[in-house]
C-alpha atoms as a PDB file:
ATOM      1  CA  MET A   1      11.020  -9.375 108.661  1.00  0.00           C
ATOM      2  CA  PRO A   2      14.854  -9.375 107.386  1.00  0.00           C
ATOM      3  CA  GLU A   3      16.472 -13.038 108.430  1.00  0.00           C
ATOM      4  CA  ILE A   4      19.479 -11.129 109.887  1.00  0.00           C
ATOM      5  CA  LEU A   5      19.712  -7.807 112.450  1.00  0.00           C
ATOM      6  CA  ILE A   6      22.568  -5.937 112.940  1.00  0.00           C
ATOM      7  CA  ILE A   7      22.491  -4.243 115.826  1.00  0.00           C
ATOM      8  CA  GLY A   8      25.389  -1.545 115.862  1.00  0.00           C
ATOM      9  CA  TYR A   9      25.362   0.235 119.395  1.00  0.00           C
ATOM     10  CA  GLY A  10      27.480   3.217 121.196  1.00  0.00           C
ATOM     11  CA  ASN A  11      27.924   6.803 121.768  1.00  0.00           C
ATOM     12  CA  ARG A  12      29.396   8.520 118.861  1.00  0.00           C
ATOM     13  CA  LEU A  13      29.753  11.587 120.996  1.00  0.00           C
ATOM     14  CA  CYS A  14      32.203   9.668 123.040  1.00  0.00           C
ATOM     15  CA  GLY A  15      35.506   8.209 121.394  1.00  0.00           C
ATOM     16  CA  ASP A  16      35.627   4.986 120.675  1.00  0.00           C
ATOM     17  CA  ASP A  17      32.159   4.086 122.191  1.00  0.00           C
ATOM     18  CA  GLY A  18      31.064   4.915 118.445  1.00  0.00           C
ATOM     19  CA  VAL A  19      32.943   1.882 116.636  1.00  0.00           C
ATOM     20  CA  GLY A  20      29.973  -0.210 116.783  1.00  0.00           C
ATOM     21  CA  VAL A  21      27.223   2.441 115.453  1.00  0.00           C
ATOM     22  CA  GLN A  22      30.430   3.442 112.682  1.00  0.00           C
ATOM     23  CA  ALA A  23      30.895  -0.305 111.896  1.00  0.00           C
ATOM     24  CA  ALA A  24      26.963  -0.909 111.786  1.00  0.00           C
ATOM     25  CA  HIS A  25      26.689   2.111 109.078  1.00  0.00           C
ATOM     26  CA  GLU A  26      29.672   0.762 106.794  1.00  0.00           C
ATOM     27  CA  LEU A  27      27.850  -2.828 106.966  1.00  0.00           C
ATOM     28  CA  GLU A  28      24.672  -1.117 105.851  1.00  0.00           C
ATOM     29  CA  ARG A  29      26.140   0.066 103.051  1.00  0.00           C
ATOM     30  CA  HIS A  30      27.287  -3.044 101.722  1.00  0.00           C
ATOM     31  CA  PHE A  31      23.878  -4.526 102.676  1.00  0.00           C
ATOM     32  CA  ALA A  32      21.317  -2.063 100.857  1.00  0.00           C
ATOM     33  CA  GLY A  33      19.845  -3.966  98.654  1.00  0.00           C
ATOM     34  CA  ASP A  34      19.520  -7.083 100.489  1.00  0.00           C
ATOM     35  CA  PRO A  35      16.067  -7.631 102.283  1.00  0.00           C
ATOM     36  CA  GLY A  36      17.453  -9.987 104.149  1.00  0.00           C
ATOM     37  CA  VAL A  37      19.292  -8.057 106.298  1.00  0.00           C
ATOM     38  CA  ARG A  38      18.152  -4.910 108.691  1.00  0.00           C
ATOM     39  CA  VAL A  39      20.720  -2.719 110.343  1.00  0.00           C
ATOM     40  CA  VAL A  40      20.120  -0.571 113.617  1.00  0.00           C
ATOM     41  CA  THR A  41      22.026   2.119 115.304  1.00  0.00           C
ATOM     42  CA  SER A  42      21.449   3.300 119.064  1.00  0.00           C
ATOM     43  CA  GLN A  43      23.031   4.304 121.658  1.00  0.00           C
ATOM     44  CA  GLN A  44      22.375   1.710 124.009  1.00  0.00           C
ATOM     45  CA  LEU A  45      20.236  -1.455 123.736  1.00  0.00           C
ATOM     46  CA  THR A  46      16.668  -0.636 124.705  1.00  0.00           C
ATOM     47  CA  PRO A  47      13.771  -3.325 125.383  1.00  0.00           C
ATOM     48  CA  GLU A  48      12.192  -2.789 122.184  1.00  0.00           C
ATOM     49  CA  MET A  49      14.762  -4.124 120.157  1.00  0.00           C
ATOM     50  CA  ALA A  50      12.999  -7.515 121.555  1.00  0.00           C
ATOM     51  CA  ASP A  51      10.386  -7.703 119.215  1.00  0.00           C
ATOM     52  CA  ASP A  52      12.577  -6.960 115.925  1.00  0.00           C
ATOM     53  CA  MET A  53      14.830  -9.872 117.440  1.00  0.00           C
ATOM     54  CA  ALA A  54      12.324 -12.250 117.948  1.00  0.00           C
ATOM     55  CA  ALA A  55      11.614 -11.789 114.203  1.00  0.00           C
ATOM     56  CA  CYS A  56      15.019 -12.768 113.303  1.00  0.00           C
ATOM     57  CA  GLY A  57      17.525 -15.776 112.876  1.00  0.00           C
ATOM     58  CA  LEU A  58      20.654 -14.277 113.636  1.00  0.00           C
ATOM     59  CA  VAL A  59      21.558 -10.733 115.772  1.00  0.00           C
ATOM     60  CA  LEU A  60      24.834  -9.371 115.098  1.00  0.00           C
ATOM     61  CA  PHE A  61      25.540  -7.114 118.067  1.00  0.00           C
ATOM     62  CA  LEU A  62      28.612  -4.529 117.168  1.00  0.00           C
ATOM     63  CA  ASP A  63      30.191  -2.516 119.844  1.00  0.00           C
ATOM     64  CA  ALA A  64      33.226  -1.111 122.428  1.00  0.00           C
ATOM     65  CA  SER A  65      35.093  -2.818 124.883  1.00  0.00           C
ATOM     66  CA  GLY A  66      37.168  -1.466 127.452  1.00  0.00           C
ATOM     67  CA  ALA A  67      38.890  -4.856 128.574  1.00  0.00           C
ATOM     68  CA  GLU A  68      41.788  -5.799 126.406  1.00  0.00           C
ATOM     69  CA  GLU A  69      44.171  -3.264 124.294  1.00  0.00           C
ATOM     70  CA  ALA A  70      43.298  -0.668 122.193  1.00  0.00           C
ATOM     71  CA  GLY A  71      42.124  -2.036 118.375  1.00  0.00           C
ATOM     72  CA  GLU A  72      41.730  -5.685 119.946  1.00  0.00           C
ATOM     73  CA  ILE A  73      38.796  -7.726 118.058  1.00  0.00           C
ATOM     74  CA  ARG A  74      36.806 -10.326 119.627  1.00  0.00           C
ATOM     75  CA  SER A  75      33.854 -12.544 118.585  1.00  0.00           C
ATOM     76  CA  PHE A  76      31.669 -14.731 120.398  1.00  0.00           C
ATOM     77  CA  ARG A  77      28.197 -16.460 120.450  1.00  0.00           C
ATOM     78  CA  VAL A  78      26.058 -14.528 122.997  1.00  0.00           C
ATOM     79  CA  GLU A  79      23.994 -16.585 125.221  1.00  0.00           C
ATOM     80  CA  PRO A  80      21.025 -15.481 127.252  1.00  0.00           C
ATOM     81  CA  CYS A  81      22.203 -14.775 130.794  1.00  0.00           C
ATOM     82  CA  ALA A  82      20.021 -13.826 133.276  1.00  0.00           C
ATOM     83  CA  HIS A  83      19.450 -10.015 134.646  1.00  0.00           C
ATOM     84  CA  ASP A  84      17.450  -8.748 137.358  1.00  0.00           C
ATOM     85  CA  GLY A  85      14.397  -8.352 135.752  1.00  0.00           C
ATOM     86  CA  CYS A  86      13.734  -4.803 135.443  1.00  0.00           C
ATOM     87  CA  PHE A  87      15.457  -2.570 132.460  1.00  0.00           C
ATOM     88  CA  VAL A  88      18.409  -0.145 133.616  1.00  0.00           C
ATOM     89  CA  HIS A  89      20.261   2.220 132.006  1.00  0.00           C
ATOM     90  CA  HIS A  90      22.815  -0.862 130.564  1.00  0.00           C
ATOM     91  CA  LEU A  91      21.070  -3.659 129.154  1.00  0.00           C
ATOM     92  CA  SER A  92      23.762  -6.225 127.668  1.00  0.00           C
ATOM     93  CA  PRO A  93      23.094  -8.555 124.316  1.00  0.00           C
ATOM     94  CA  GLY A  94      22.760 -11.899 126.906  1.00  0.00           C
ATOM     95  CA  ALA A  95      20.191 -10.030 128.991  1.00  0.00           C
ATOM     96  CA  LEU A  96      18.474  -8.697 126.099  1.00  0.00           C
ATOM     97  CA  LEU A  97      18.536 -11.971 124.232  1.00  0.00           C
ATOM     98  CA  ALA A  98      17.152 -13.635 127.636  1.00  0.00           C
ATOM     99  CA  SER A  99      14.235 -11.488 127.491  1.00  0.00           C
ATOM    100  CA  VAL A 100      13.052 -12.403 123.962  1.00  0.00           C
ATOM    101  CA  ALA A 101      13.514 -16.014 125.271  1.00  0.00           C
ATOM    102  CA  LYS A 102      10.996 -14.850 128.021  1.00  0.00           C
ATOM    103  CA  LEU A 103       8.675 -13.019 125.915  1.00  0.00           C
ATOM    104  CA  TYR A 104       8.467 -14.961 122.563  1.00  0.00           C
ATOM    105  CA  GLU A 105       9.494 -18.735 123.900  1.00  0.00           C
ATOM    106  CA  LYS A 106      12.320 -18.502 121.248  1.00  0.00           C
ATOM    107  CA  ALA A 107      15.328 -16.400 120.584  1.00  0.00           C
ATOM    108  CA  PRO A 108      17.481 -16.319 117.477  1.00  0.00           C
ATOM    109  CA  GLN A 109      21.222 -17.447 117.063  1.00  0.00           C
ATOM    110  CA  ALA A 110      23.648 -14.219 118.278  1.00  0.00           C
ATOM    111  CA  MET A 111      26.692 -13.206 118.258  1.00  0.00           C
ATOM    112  CA  CYS A 112      28.980  -9.699 119.514  1.00  0.00           C
ATOM    113  CA  ILE A 113      31.837  -8.456 117.569  1.00  0.00           C
ATOM    114  CA  THR A 114      33.359  -5.919 120.237  1.00  0.00           C
ATOM    115  CA  VAL A 115      36.879  -3.424 119.363  1.00  0.00           C
ATOM    116  CA  SER A 116      38.939  -2.374 122.666  1.00  0.00           C
ATOM    117  CA  GLY A 117      39.056   1.241 122.659  1.00  0.00           C
ATOM    118  CA  CYS A 118      41.361   3.598 124.137  1.00  0.00           C
ATOM    119  CA  GLY A 119      39.399   6.670 124.087  1.00  0.00           C
ATOM    120  CA  PHE A 120      35.994   7.242 125.644  1.00  0.00           C
ATOM    121  CA  ALA A 121      35.849  10.972 126.650  1.00  0.00           C
ATOM    122  CA  VAL A 122      34.482  13.306 124.878  1.00  0.00           C
ATOM    123  CA  GLY A 123      34.960  13.824 121.010  1.00  0.00           C
ATOM    124  CA  ASP A 124      33.817  12.973 117.911  1.00  0.00           C
ATOM    125  CA  GLY A 125      36.144  10.198 116.393  1.00  0.00           C
ATOM    126  CA  LEU A 126      37.745   7.462 116.923  1.00  0.00           C
ATOM    127  CA  SER A 127      41.147   6.718 117.817  1.00  0.00           C
ATOM    128  CA  PRO A 128      43.730   5.888 115.113  1.00  0.00           C
ATOM    129  CA  ARG A 129      43.947   2.212 116.617  1.00  0.00           C
ATOM    130  CA  VAL A 130      40.564   1.316 116.690  1.00  0.00           C
ATOM    131  CA  GLN A 131      39.831   3.561 113.243  1.00  0.00           C
ATOM    132  CA  LEU A 132      42.979   0.749 111.754  1.00  0.00           C
ATOM    133  CA  SER A 133      40.295  -1.625 113.311  1.00  0.00           C
ATOM    134  CA  LEU A 134      37.224  -0.787 112.056  1.00  0.00           C
ATOM    135  CA  ALA A 135      37.656  -2.336 108.468  1.00  0.00           C
ATOM    136  CA  GLU A 136      38.947  -5.931 110.098  1.00  0.00           C
ATOM    137  CA  VAL A 137      35.878  -5.564 112.164  1.00  0.00           C
ATOM    138  CA  VAL A 138      33.246  -5.006 109.076  1.00  0.00           C
ATOM    139  CA  ARG A 139      35.133  -7.962 107.010  1.00  0.00           C
ATOM    140  CA  GLU A 140      34.597 -10.196 109.880  1.00  0.00           C
ATOM    141  CA  ALA A 141      30.763  -9.178 110.227  1.00  0.00           C
ATOM    142  CA  ARG A 142      30.332 -10.145 106.719  1.00  0.00           C
ATOM    143  CA  ALA A 143      31.693 -13.327 107.548  1.00  0.00           C
ATOM    144  CA  ILE A 144      29.440 -14.034 109.741  1.00  0.00           C
ATOM    145  CA  ILE A 145      26.669 -13.458 108.094  1.00  0.00           C
ATOM    146  CA  ALA A 146      27.574 -15.510 105.212  1.00  0.00           C
ATOM    147  CA  GLU A 147      28.375 -18.415 106.742  1.00  0.00           C
ATOM    148  CA  TRP A 148      25.190 -18.170 108.628  1.00  0.00           C
ATOM    149  CA  GLN A 149      23.791 -17.583 105.356  1.00  0.00           C
ATOM    150  CA  ARG A 150      25.285 -20.209 103.715  1.00  0.00           C
ATOM    151  CA  LYS A 151      24.544 -22.916 106.493  1.00  0.00           C
ATOM    152  CA  ASN A 152      20.644 -21.758 106.077  1.00  0.00           C
ATOM    153  CA  ARG A 153      19.766 -21.867 102.741  1.00  0.00           C
ATOM    154  CA  SER A 154      21.176 -24.664 102.288  1.00  0.00           C
ATOM    155  CA  LYS A 155      18.988 -26.420 105.003  1.00  0.00           C
ATOM    156  CA  ALA A 156      16.271 -24.568 103.274  1.00  0.00           C
ATOM    157  CA  SER A 157      17.298 -26.259 100.186  1.00  0.00           C
ATOM    158  CA  LEU A 158      17.271 -29.560 101.630  1.00  0.00           C
ATOM    159  CA  PRO A 159      14.488 -32.050 100.212  1.00  0.00           C
ATOM    160  CA  LYS A 160      11.324 -32.297 102.447  1.00  0.00           C
ATOM    161  CA  SER A 161      10.574 -36.271 103.405  1.00  0.00           C
ATOM    162  CA  ASP A 162       7.809 -37.605 102.047  1.00  0.00           C
ATOM    163  CA  THR A 163       5.435 -38.386 104.933  1.00  0.00           C
ATOM    164  CA  ASN A 164       3.060 -40.311 102.457  1.00  0.00           C
ATOM    165  CA  ALA A 165       5.264 -42.992 101.526  1.00  0.00           C
END
């Protein structure tokens, strides 16, 4: 199982809502030869993703947002958050992470990168502002992954203490 899972989600048929999926496809091309990174895309987050998440050290969510000015990028740590216990049409990264923690008694580190969109109507392309932000989303995702790998590879290379001494 890979140590890093990238989940790009959104509806590519609804304009800017597909930015997470598009960014994930670009990252999939970049990490094609890296067995430590797996990329999945989906229209929405699903409970079935919990199994793959539990086996990873880092999960990176990529999604659209409608909260800020179009094209604005936000990255933030995802913390497990309570949900009502039933899986409904919209499952948040925090609720999914909480489910992983509850089911597997552990949860990976999780980050989310969002891009604010301006057009979510039926259409098959990103708005110009979001399209311009796409390269920066990919750069930011690669930087988060590189930093996580750097920290975790240095931990793995630390000498183990000798308990027989």
